[in-house]
């Protein structure tokens, strides 16, 4: 058995991956990684030399997802969370993931992974297919499907694929929230649509409120993004303006605001508690 406080100070320089399973009576211990197909809930965030954005947002989202998926007690998930945070590396760049995996009894895992290379802009693939997720509001159950969609997008030269409703309404990317600008209004899809609650999107909305920037939830078809500044945002890459659309004759608008917001977001990190 390895105590969480010892695991957390493993040598981060070797950039390997490892997985820890949590037991209520023993804390975290080395384990084999579980396949993504077994995930009932998951959450991940970027660590950059011991600093992270919106960690409490991730905690609340993961606890709620686990309670929904398994009926587990919030107190038990919070106990796992505290051990997981204590085990995180404090140097280098990492993209850890907390996981609830089945079948019954569902178990909790912490997977430590090196962060992928960051990109500052994104090419997005557009298709005629609509959102195929079974659990769009909970990260985890659809990760295999989303990875497959990103592979299809990559084969066409894109890093992301845009998900829509059957009627063509914009939802989100396979791994990112979508925001766009209409004049001086920062827009995002309506809350009643089947969307994952994005932590980075929430931080951006909070910042907009601080600056007095108007935000609105607007239902838009893909064609209505033509020529606009569109952002795909997530924990690992931050804010990425869309540089090109593939699959339809859609123009990417100039990224006039992205650089300033990227600079702010890069500084909006706090030390891991």
C-alpha atoms as a PDB file:
ATOM      1  CA  UNK A   1       0.000   0.000   0.000  1.00  0.00           C
ATOM      2  CA  UNK A   2       1.222   3.507  -0.804  1.00  0.00           C
ATOM      3  CA  UNK A   3      -0.014   6.457   1.185  1.00  0.00           C
ATOM      4  CA  UNK A   4      -1.358   9.353  -0.832  1.00  0.00           C
ATOM      5  CA  UNK A   5       1.136  11.834   0.563  1.00  0.00           C
ATOM      6  CA  UNK A   6       4.039   9.698  -0.660  1.00  0.00           C
ATOM      7  CA  UNK A   7       2.601   9.075  -4.125  1.00  0.00           C
ATOM      8  CA  UNK A   8       2.112  12.791  -4.598  1.00  0.00           C
ATOM      9  CA  UNK A   9       5.845  13.447  -4.495  1.00  0.00           C
ATOM     10  CA  UNK A  10       6.820  10.891  -7.131  1.00  0.00           C
ATOM     11  CA  UNK A  11       9.380  12.069  -9.662  1.00  0.00           C
ATOM     12  CA  UNK A  12       7.382  14.133 -12.148  1.00  0.00           C
ATOM     13  CA  UNK A  13      10.257  14.503 -14.580  1.00  0.00           C
ATOM     14  CA  UNK A  14       9.899  11.038 -16.107  1.00  0.00           C
ATOM     15  CA  UNK A  15       6.473  12.011 -17.550  1.00  0.00           C
ATOM     16  CA  UNK A  16       5.027   8.517 -17.211  1.00  0.00           C
ATOM     17  CA  UNK A  17       1.452   7.563 -16.398  1.00  0.00           C
ATOM     18  CA  UNK A  18       0.228   5.675 -13.395  1.00  0.00           C
ATOM     19  CA  UNK A  19      -3.109   4.806 -11.794  1.00  0.00           C
ATOM     20  CA  UNK A  20      -4.128   4.614  -8.137  1.00  0.00           C
ATOM     21  CA  UNK A  21      -7.250   2.948  -6.753  1.00  0.00           C
ATOM     22  CA  UNK A  22      -8.896   4.313  -3.613  1.00  0.00           C
ATOM     23  CA  UNK A  23     -10.203   2.311  -0.676  1.00  0.00           C
ATOM     24  CA  UNK A  24     -12.072   3.923   2.166  1.00  0.00           C
ATOM     25  CA  UNK A  25     -10.050   1.954   4.718  1.00  0.00           C
ATOM     26  CA  UNK A  26      -6.666   2.298   3.024  1.00  0.00           C
ATOM     27  CA  UNK A  27      -6.482   5.358   0.812  1.00  0.00           C
ATOM     28  CA  UNK A  28      -4.782   5.246  -2.586  1.00  0.00           C
ATOM     29  CA  UNK A  29      -2.747   2.306  -3.826  1.00  0.00           C
ATOM     30  CA  UNK A  30      -1.213   1.319  -7.189  1.00  0.00           C
ATOM     31  CA  UNK A  31      -3.643  -0.230  -9.647  1.00  0.00           C
ATOM     32  CA  UNK A  32      -4.079  -1.143 -13.264  1.00  0.00           C
ATOM     33  CA  UNK A  33      -5.809   1.495 -15.343  1.00  0.00           C
ATOM     34  CA  UNK A  34      -9.447   0.776 -16.060  1.00  0.00           C
ATOM     35  CA  UNK A  35     -10.667   1.019 -19.685  1.00  0.00           C
ATOM     36  CA  UNK A  36     -12.554   4.166 -20.637  1.00  0.00           C
ATOM     37  CA  UNK A  37     -15.514   1.955 -21.532  1.00  0.00           C
ATOM     38  CA  UNK A  38     -15.959   1.196 -17.813  1.00  0.00           C
ATOM     39  CA  UNK A  39     -16.205   4.833 -16.708  1.00  0.00           C
ATOM     40  CA  UNK A  40     -19.375   6.013 -15.013  1.00  0.00           C
ATOM     41  CA  UNK A  41     -17.983   9.488 -14.217  1.00  0.00           C
ATOM     42  CA  UNK A  42     -14.703  11.303 -14.706  1.00  0.00           C
ATOM     43  CA  UNK A  43     -13.121  14.723 -14.424  1.00  0.00           C
ATOM     44  CA  UNK A  44      -9.741  16.132 -15.435  1.00  0.00           C
ATOM     45  CA  UNK A  45      -7.810  19.374 -15.171  1.00  0.00           C
ATOM     46  CA  UNK A  46      -4.431  20.879 -16.014  1.00  0.00           C
ATOM     47  CA  UNK A  47      -1.606  21.141 -13.490  1.00  0.00           C
ATOM     48  CA  UNK A  48       1.206  23.529 -14.422  1.00  0.00           C
ATOM     49  CA  UNK A  49       4.014  23.503 -11.824  1.00  0.00           C
ATOM     50  CA  UNK A  50       1.621  22.981  -8.942  1.00  0.00           C
ATOM     51  CA  UNK A  51      -1.005  25.481 -10.087  1.00  0.00           C
ATOM     52  CA  UNK A  52      -4.490  24.780 -11.389  1.00  0.00           C
ATOM     53  CA  UNK A  53      -7.607  26.662 -12.534  1.00  0.00           C
ATOM     54  CA  UNK A  54     -11.062  26.214 -11.068  1.00  0.00           C
ATOM     55  CA  UNK A  55     -10.242  23.171  -8.946  1.00  0.00           C
ATOM     56  CA  UNK A  56     -13.282  23.648  -6.719  1.00  0.00           C
ATOM     57  CA  UNK A  57     -15.511  23.749  -9.817  1.00  0.00           C
ATOM     58  CA  UNK A  58     -14.055  20.387 -10.858  1.00  0.00           C
ATOM     59  CA  UNK A  59     -14.658  18.978  -7.368  1.00  0.00           C
ATOM     60  CA  UNK A  60     -18.323  19.970  -7.353  1.00  0.00           C
ATOM     61  CA  UNK A  61     -18.875  18.641 -10.866  1.00  0.00           C
ATOM     62  CA  UNK A  62     -17.231  15.289 -10.106  1.00  0.00           C
ATOM     63  CA  UNK A  63     -19.040  14.782  -6.799  1.00  0.00           C
ATOM     64  CA  UNK A  64     -22.394  15.503  -8.450  1.00  0.00           C
ATOM     65  CA  UNK A  65     -21.594  13.143 -11.345  1.00  0.00           C
ATOM     66  CA  UNK A  66     -20.648  10.297  -8.990  1.00  0.00           C
ATOM     67  CA  UNK A  67     -23.768  10.725  -6.875  1.00  0.00           C
ATOM     68  CA  UNK A  68     -25.919  10.687 -10.025  1.00  0.00           C
ATOM     69  CA  UNK A  69     -24.132   7.675 -11.519  1.00  0.00           C
ATOM     70  CA  UNK A  70     -23.915   5.422  -8.470  1.00  0.00           C
ATOM     71  CA  UNK A  71     -26.013   6.868  -5.670  1.00  0.00           C
ATOM     72  CA  UNK A  72     -22.860   7.071  -3.556  1.00  0.00           C
ATOM     73  CA  UNK A  73     -22.706   9.516  -0.657  1.00  0.00           C
ATOM     74  CA  UNK A  74     -21.157  12.932  -1.325  1.00  0.00           C
ATOM     75  CA  UNK A  75     -19.117  12.567   1.873  1.00  0.00           C
ATOM     76  CA  UNK A  76     -17.403   9.416   0.556  1.00  0.00           C
ATOM     77  CA  UNK A  77     -16.568  11.057  -2.779  1.00  0.00           C
ATOM     78  CA  UNK A  78     -15.220  14.105  -0.941  1.00  0.00           C
ATOM     79  CA  UNK A  79     -12.972  11.837   1.128  1.00  0.00           C
ATOM     80  CA  UNK A  80     -11.558  10.291  -2.052  1.00  0.00           C
ATOM     81  CA  UNK A  81     -11.127  13.763  -3.528  1.00  0.00           C
ATOM     82  CA  UNK A  82      -9.011  14.944  -0.594  1.00  0.00           C
ATOM     83  CA  UNK A  83      -6.705  11.944  -0.923  1.00  0.00           C
ATOM     84  CA  UNK A  84      -6.484  12.431  -4.687  1.00  0.00           C
ATOM     85  CA  UNK A  85      -5.528  16.106  -4.375  1.00  0.00           C
ATOM     86  CA  UNK A  86      -2.837  15.241  -1.831  1.00  0.00           C
ATOM     87  CA  UNK A  87      -1.361  12.757  -4.321  1.00  0.00           C
ATOM     88  CA  UNK A  88      -1.003  15.171  -7.235  1.00  0.00           C
ATOM     89  CA  UNK A  89       2.464  16.095  -8.541  1.00  0.00           C
ATOM     90  CA  UNK A  90       3.538  19.647  -7.749  1.00  0.00           C
ATOM     91  CA  UNK A  91       6.043  20.112 -10.586  1.00  0.00           C
ATOM     92  CA  UNK A  92       5.895  19.881 -14.395  1.00  0.00           C
ATOM     93  CA  UNK A  93       2.717  19.793 -16.524  1.00  0.00           C
ATOM     94  CA  UNK A  94       0.122  17.082 -15.850  1.00  0.00           C
ATOM     95  CA  UNK A  95      -3.451  16.292 -16.838  1.00  0.00           C
ATOM     96  CA  UNK A  96      -4.763  14.048 -14.021  1.00  0.00           C
ATOM     97  CA  UNK A  97      -8.167  12.397 -14.125  1.00  0.00           C
ATOM     98  CA  UNK A  98     -10.402  11.217 -11.296  1.00  0.00           C
ATOM     99  CA  UNK A  99     -12.637   8.307 -12.239  1.00  0.00           C
ATOM    100  CA  UNK A 100     -15.628   6.338 -11.022  1.00  0.00           C
ATOM    101  CA  UNK A 101     -15.665   2.983 -12.812  1.00  0.00           C
ATOM    102  CA  UNK A 102     -18.007  -0.004 -12.817  1.00  0.00           C
ATOM    103  CA  UNK A 103     -19.366  -2.590 -12.893  1.00  0.00           C
ATOM    104  CA  UNK A 104     -20.743  -2.920  -9.375  1.00  0.00           C
ATOM    105  CA  UNK A 105     -19.336  -2.199  -6.965  1.00  0.00           C
ATOM    106  CA  UNK A 106     -18.165   1.035  -8.559  1.00  0.00           C
ATOM    107  CA  UNK A 107     -14.643   2.023  -7.554  1.00  0.00           C
ATOM    108  CA  UNK A 108     -12.755   5.305  -7.481  1.00  0.00           C
ATOM    109  CA  UNK A 109      -9.447   5.890  -9.262  1.00  0.00           C
ATOM    110  CA  UNK A 110      -6.886   8.635  -9.786  1.00  0.00           C
ATOM    111  CA  UNK A 111      -4.992   8.505 -13.072  1.00  0.00           C
ATOM    112  CA  UNK A 112      -1.869  10.664 -13.359  1.00  0.00           C
ATOM    113  CA  UNK A 113      -1.086  11.552 -16.980  1.00  0.00           C
ATOM    114  CA  UNK A 114       1.349  13.990 -18.578  1.00  0.00           C
ATOM    115  CA  UNK A 115      -0.402  16.974 -20.145  1.00  0.00           C
ATOM    116  CA  UNK A 116      -0.662  16.911 -23.935  1.00  0.00           C
ATOM    117  CA  UNK A 117       1.044  19.715 -25.866  1.00  0.00           C
ATOM    118  CA  UNK A 118      -0.943  22.912 -25.709  1.00  0.00           C
ATOM    119  CA  UNK A 119      -2.359  24.512 -28.848  1.00  0.00           C
ATOM    120  CA  UNK A 120      -3.532  28.126 -29.068  1.00  0.00           C
ATOM    121  CA  UNK A 121      -5.933  27.800 -32.016  1.00  0.00           C
ATOM    122  CA  UNK A 122      -8.071  25.010 -33.394  1.00  0.00           C
ATOM    123  CA  UNK A 123      -9.402  23.628 -36.673  1.00  0.00           C
ATOM    124  CA  UNK A 124     -12.916  22.210 -36.309  1.00  0.00           C
ATOM    125  CA  UNK A 125     -14.585  19.523 -38.407  1.00  0.00           C
ATOM    126  CA  UNK A 126     -18.272  19.921 -39.282  1.00  0.00           C
ATOM    127  CA  UNK A 127     -20.381  16.905 -40.225  1.00  0.00           C
ATOM    128  CA  UNK A 128     -24.023  16.208 -40.970  1.00  0.00           C
ATOM    129  CA  UNK A 129     -24.287  13.938 -37.917  1.00  0.00           C
ATOM    130  CA  UNK A 130     -25.863  15.101 -34.671  1.00  0.00           C
ATOM    131  CA  UNK A 131     -24.754  14.545 -31.082  1.00  0.00           C
ATOM    132  CA  UNK A 132     -24.531  10.756 -30.455  1.00  0.00           C
ATOM    133  CA  UNK A 133     -23.767  10.865 -26.693  1.00  0.00           C
ATOM    134  CA  UNK A 134     -25.845   8.828 -24.258  1.00  0.00           C
ATOM    135  CA  UNK A 135     -24.937  10.956 -21.190  1.00  0.00           C
ATOM    136  CA  UNK A 136     -24.109  14.438 -22.489  1.00  0.00           C
ATOM    137  CA  UNK A 137     -24.339  16.105 -19.069  1.00  0.00           C
ATOM    138  CA  UNK A 138     -21.903  13.699 -17.367  1.00  0.00           C
ATOM    139  CA  UNK A 139     -18.274  13.263 -18.318  1.00  0.00           C
ATOM    140  CA  UNK A 140     -17.138   9.628 -18.455  1.00  0.00           C
ATOM    141  CA  UNK A 141     -19.632   7.263 -20.108  1.00  0.00           C
ATOM    142  CA  UNK A 142     -19.109   8.692 -23.607  1.00  0.00           C
ATOM    143  CA  UNK A 143     -15.331   9.176 -23.576  1.00  0.00           C
ATOM    144  CA  UNK A 144     -14.670   6.259 -25.950  1.00  0.00           C
ATOM    145  CA  UNK A 145     -17.219   7.583 -28.421  1.00  0.00           C
ATOM    146  CA  UNK A 146     -15.831  11.117 -28.230  1.00  0.00           C
ATOM    147  CA  UNK A 147     -12.277   9.867 -28.742  1.00  0.00           C
ATOM    148  CA  UNK A 148     -13.463   8.031 -31.865  1.00  0.00           C
ATOM    149  CA  UNK A 149     -15.063  11.218 -33.196  1.00  0.00           C
ATOM    150  CA  UNK A 150     -11.838  13.156 -32.608  1.00  0.00           C
ATOM    151  CA  UNK A 151      -9.916  10.477 -34.487  1.00  0.00           C
ATOM    152  CA  UNK A 152     -12.283  10.926 -37.432  1.00  0.00           C
ATOM    153  CA  UNK A 153     -11.771  14.676 -37.267  1.00  0.00           C
ATOM    154  CA  UNK A 154      -7.989  14.224 -37.120  1.00  0.00           C
ATOM    155  CA  UNK A 155      -8.101  12.075 -40.252  1.00  0.00           C
ATOM    156  CA  UNK A 156      -9.566  15.107 -42.021  1.00  0.00           C
ATOM    157  CA  UNK A 157      -6.981  17.513 -40.616  1.00  0.00           C
ATOM    158  CA  UNK A 158      -8.941  18.900 -37.647  1.00  0.00           C
ATOM    159  CA  UNK A 159      -8.356  18.793 -33.896  1.00  0.00           C
ATOM    160  CA  UNK A 160     -12.023  18.939 -32.907  1.00  0.00           C
ATOM    161  CA  UNK A 161     -15.492  18.003 -34.143  1.00  0.00           C
ATOM    162  CA  UNK A 162     -18.552  20.142 -33.490  1.00  0.00           C
ATOM    163  CA  UNK A 163     -21.580  18.430 -31.920  1.00  0.00           C
ATOM    164  CA  UNK A 164     -25.081  19.637 -32.806  1.00  0.00           C
ATOM    165  CA  UNK A 165     -28.715  18.742 -32.150  1.00  0.00           C
ATOM    166  CA  UNK A 166     -30.672  16.854 -34.846  1.00  0.00           C
ATOM    167  CA  UNK A 167     -31.975  20.227 -36.071  1.00  0.00           C
ATOM    168  CA  UNK A 168     -28.422  21.597 -36.391  1.00  0.00           C
ATOM    169  CA  UNK A 169     -28.234  23.749 -33.254  1.00  0.00           C
ATOM    170  CA  UNK A 170     -24.686  24.297 -31.955  1.00  0.00           C
ATOM    171  CA  UNK A 171     -23.887  22.362 -28.750  1.00  0.00           C
ATOM    172  CA  UNK A 172     -20.150  21.904 -28.035  1.00  0.00           C
ATOM    173  CA  UNK A 173     -17.016  20.166 -29.212  1.00  0.00           C
ATOM    174  CA  UNK A 174     -16.068  16.588 -28.380  1.00  0.00           C
ATOM    175  CA  UNK A 175     -13.887  17.896 -25.577  1.00  0.00           C
ATOM    176  CA  UNK A 176     -14.572  21.614 -25.280  1.00  0.00           C
ATOM    177  CA  UNK A 177     -17.300  24.185 -24.697  1.00  0.00           C
ATOM    178  CA  UNK A 178     -18.189  26.560 -27.532  1.00  0.00           C
ATOM    179  CA  UNK A 179     -18.439  30.338 -27.095  1.00  0.00           C
ATOM    180  CA  UNK A 180     -18.668  33.019 -29.764  1.00  0.00           C
ATOM    181  CA  UNK A 181     -18.923  36.770 -30.147  1.00  0.00           C
ATOM    182  CA  UNK A 182     -21.846  38.637 -31.697  1.00  0.00           C
ATOM    183  CA  UNK A 183     -20.713  42.283 -31.779  1.00  0.00           C
ATOM    184  CA  UNK A 184     -19.735  42.955 -28.134  1.00  0.00           C
ATOM    185  CA  UNK A 185     -21.832  40.125 -26.675  1.00  0.00           C
ATOM    186  CA  UNK A 186     -20.155  36.880 -25.592  1.00  0.00           C
ATOM    187  CA  UNK A 187     -22.551  34.061 -26.482  1.00  0.00           C
ATOM    188  CA  UNK A 188     -22.954  30.413 -25.561  1.00  0.00           C
ATOM    189  CA  UNK A 189     -25.629  27.741 -26.101  1.00  0.00           C
ATOM    190  CA  UNK A 190     -28.730  27.782 -23.858  1.00  0.00           C
ATOM    191  CA  UNK A 191     -28.491  25.847 -20.584  1.00  0.00           C
ATOM    192  CA  UNK A 192     -31.512  23.674 -21.408  1.00  0.00           C
ATOM    193  CA  UNK A 193     -29.616  21.997 -24.247  1.00  0.00           C
ATOM    194  CA  UNK A 194     -27.783  18.686 -23.535  1.00  0.00           C
ATOM    195  CA  UNK A 195     -24.414  20.155 -22.523  1.00  0.00           C
ATOM    196  CA  UNK A 196     -21.607  19.272 -20.155  1.00  0.00           C
ATOM    197  CA  UNK A 197     -21.111  22.002 -17.568  1.00  0.00           C
ATOM    198  CA  UNK A 198     -17.761  23.441 -18.641  1.00  0.00           C
ATOM    199  CA  UNK A 199     -15.436  24.642 -15.891  1.00  0.00           C
ATOM    200  CA  UNK A 200     -13.370  26.877 -18.183  1.00  0.00           C
ATOM    201  CA  UNK A 201     -16.559  28.284 -19.684  1.00  0.00           C
ATOM    202  CA  UNK A 202     -17.813  29.104 -16.175  1.00  0.00           C
ATOM    203  CA  UNK A 203     -14.559  30.899 -15.323  1.00  0.00           C
ATOM    204  CA  UNK A 204     -14.806  32.943 -18.524  1.00  0.00           C
ATOM    205  CA  UNK A 205     -18.400  33.902 -17.738  1.00  0.00           C
ATOM    206  CA  UNK A 206     -17.373  35.006 -14.244  1.00  0.00           C
ATOM    207  CA  UNK A 207     -14.603  37.131 -15.729  1.00  0.00           C
ATOM    208  CA  UNK A 208     -17.003  38.671 -18.233  1.00  0.00           C
ATOM    209  CA  UNK A 209     -19.304  39.674 -15.361  1.00  0.00           C
ATOM    210  CA  UNK A 210     -16.353  41.311 -13.572  1.00  0.00           C
ATOM    211  CA  UNK A 211     -15.479  43.299 -16.689  1.00  0.00           C
ATOM    212  CA  UNK A 212     -19.061  44.255 -17.461  1.00  0.00           C
ATOM    213  CA  UNK A 213     -19.049  42.248 -20.695  1.00  0.00           C
ATOM    214  CA  UNK A 214     -22.546  41.170 -21.636  1.00  0.00           C
ATOM    215  CA  UNK A 215     -23.097  37.419 -21.981  1.00  0.00           C
ATOM    216  CA  UNK A 216     -26.144  35.705 -23.450  1.00  0.00           C
ATOM    217  CA  UNK A 217     -27.306  32.164 -24.072  1.00  0.00           C
ATOM    218  CA  UNK A 218     -28.384  32.025 -27.715  1.00  0.00           C
ATOM    219  CA  UNK A 219     -29.625  29.151 -29.841  1.00  0.00           C
ATOM    220  CA  UNK A 220     -27.686  29.224 -33.109  1.00  0.00           C
ATOM    221  CA  UNK A 221     -27.424  26.990 -36.173  1.00  0.00           C
ATOM    222  CA  UNK A 222     -23.927  26.186 -37.405  1.00  0.00           C
ATOM    223  CA  UNK A 223     -24.306  28.487 -40.408  1.00  0.00           C
ATOM    224  CA  UNK A 224     -24.863  31.428 -38.041  1.00  0.00           C
ATOM    225  CA  UNK A 225     -21.272  31.115 -36.789  1.00  0.00           C
ATOM    226  CA  UNK A 226     -20.017  32.087 -40.254  1.00  0.00           C
ATOM    227  CA  UNK A 227     -17.444  34.895 -40.018  1.00  0.00           C
ATOM    228  CA  UNK A 228     -17.661  35.144 -36.221  1.00  0.00           C
ATOM    229  CA  UNK A 229     -14.927  34.864 -33.628  1.00  0.00           C
ATOM    230  CA  UNK A 230     -15.600  31.433 -32.113  1.00  0.00           C
ATOM    231  CA  UNK A 231     -13.745  29.905 -29.164  1.00  0.00           C
ATOM    232  CA  UNK A 232     -13.421  26.293 -28.072  1.00  0.00           C
ATOM    233  CA  UNK A 233     -12.457  26.274 -24.390  1.00  0.00           C
ATOM    234  CA  UNK A 234     -11.402  23.539 -21.988  1.00  0.00           C
ATOM    235  CA  UNK A 235      -9.071  22.827 -19.082  1.00  0.00           C
ATOM    236  CA  UNK A 236      -6.033  21.583 -20.979  1.00  0.00           C
ATOM    237  CA  UNK A 237      -5.840  24.137 -23.811  1.00  0.00           C
ATOM    238  CA  UNK A 238      -7.667  27.092 -22.282  1.00  0.00           C
ATOM    239  CA  UNK A 239      -9.142  29.375 -24.943  1.00  0.00           C
ATOM    240  CA  UNK A 240      -8.599  28.383 -28.577  1.00  0.00           C
ATOM    241  CA  UNK A 241     -10.103  30.542 -31.331  1.00  0.00           C
ATOM    242  CA  UNK A 242     -11.338  28.609 -34.355  1.00  0.00           C
ATOM    243  CA  UNK A 243      -8.829  29.173 -37.158  1.00  0.00           C
ATOM    244  CA  UNK A 244     -10.651  27.090 -39.786  1.00  0.00           C
ATOM    245  CA  UNK A 245     -13.837  25.077 -40.318  1.00  0.00           C
ATOM    246  CA  UNK A 246     -13.711  21.878 -42.358  1.00  0.00           C
ATOM    247  CA  UNK A 247     -16.651  20.128 -44.026  1.00  0.00           C
ATOM    248  CA  UNK A 248     -18.793  23.143 -44.908  1.00  0.00           C
ATOM    249  CA  UNK A 249     -18.177  26.526 -46.541  1.00  0.00           C
ATOM    250  CA  UNK A 250     -17.926  28.380 -43.234  1.00  0.00           C
ATOM    251  CA  UNK A 251     -15.475  31.244 -42.670  1.00  0.00           C
ATOM    252  CA  UNK A 252     -13.499  31.559 -39.439  1.00  0.00           C
ATOM    253  CA  UNK A 253     -13.788  35.093 -38.096  1.00  0.00           C
ATOM    254  CA  UNK A 254     -10.718  37.079 -37.001  1.00  0.00           C
ATOM    255  CA  UNK A 255      -9.656  36.357 -33.413  1.00  0.00           C
ATOM    256  CA  UNK A 256      -9.693  39.954 -32.207  1.00  0.00           C
ATOM    257  CA  UNK A 257     -10.318  39.281 -28.521  1.00  0.00           C
ATOM    258  CA  UNK A 258      -8.746  35.875 -27.930  1.00  0.00           C
ATOM    259  CA  UNK A 259      -5.173  36.954 -27.086  1.00  0.00           C
ATOM    260  CA  UNK A 260      -6.187  39.232 -24.206  1.00  0.00           C
ATOM    261  CA  UNK A 261      -8.493  36.605 -22.738  1.00  0.00           C
ATOM    262  CA  UNK A 262      -5.847  33.894 -23.122  1.00  0.00           C
ATOM    263  CA  UNK A 263      -3.389  36.055 -21.173  1.00  0.00           C
ATOM    264  CA  UNK A 264      -5.921  36.545 -18.397  1.00  0.00           C
ATOM    265  CA  UNK A 265      -6.797  32.837 -18.237  1.00  0.00           C
ATOM    266  CA  UNK A 266      -3.138  31.813 -18.102  1.00  0.00           C
ATOM    267  CA  UNK A 267      -2.807  33.910 -14.956  1.00  0.00           C
ATOM    268  CA  UNK A 268      -6.028  32.699 -13.330  1.00  0.00           C
ATOM    269  CA  UNK A 269      -4.369  29.770 -11.573  1.00  0.00           C
ATOM    270  CA  UNK A 270      -4.059  28.979  -7.875  1.00  0.00           C
ATOM    271  CA  UNK A 271      -1.645  26.667  -6.029  1.00  0.00           C
ATOM    272  CA  UNK A 272      -2.963  23.173  -5.387  1.00  0.00           C
ATOM    273  CA  UNK A 273      -4.155  23.191  -1.772  1.00  0.00           C
END
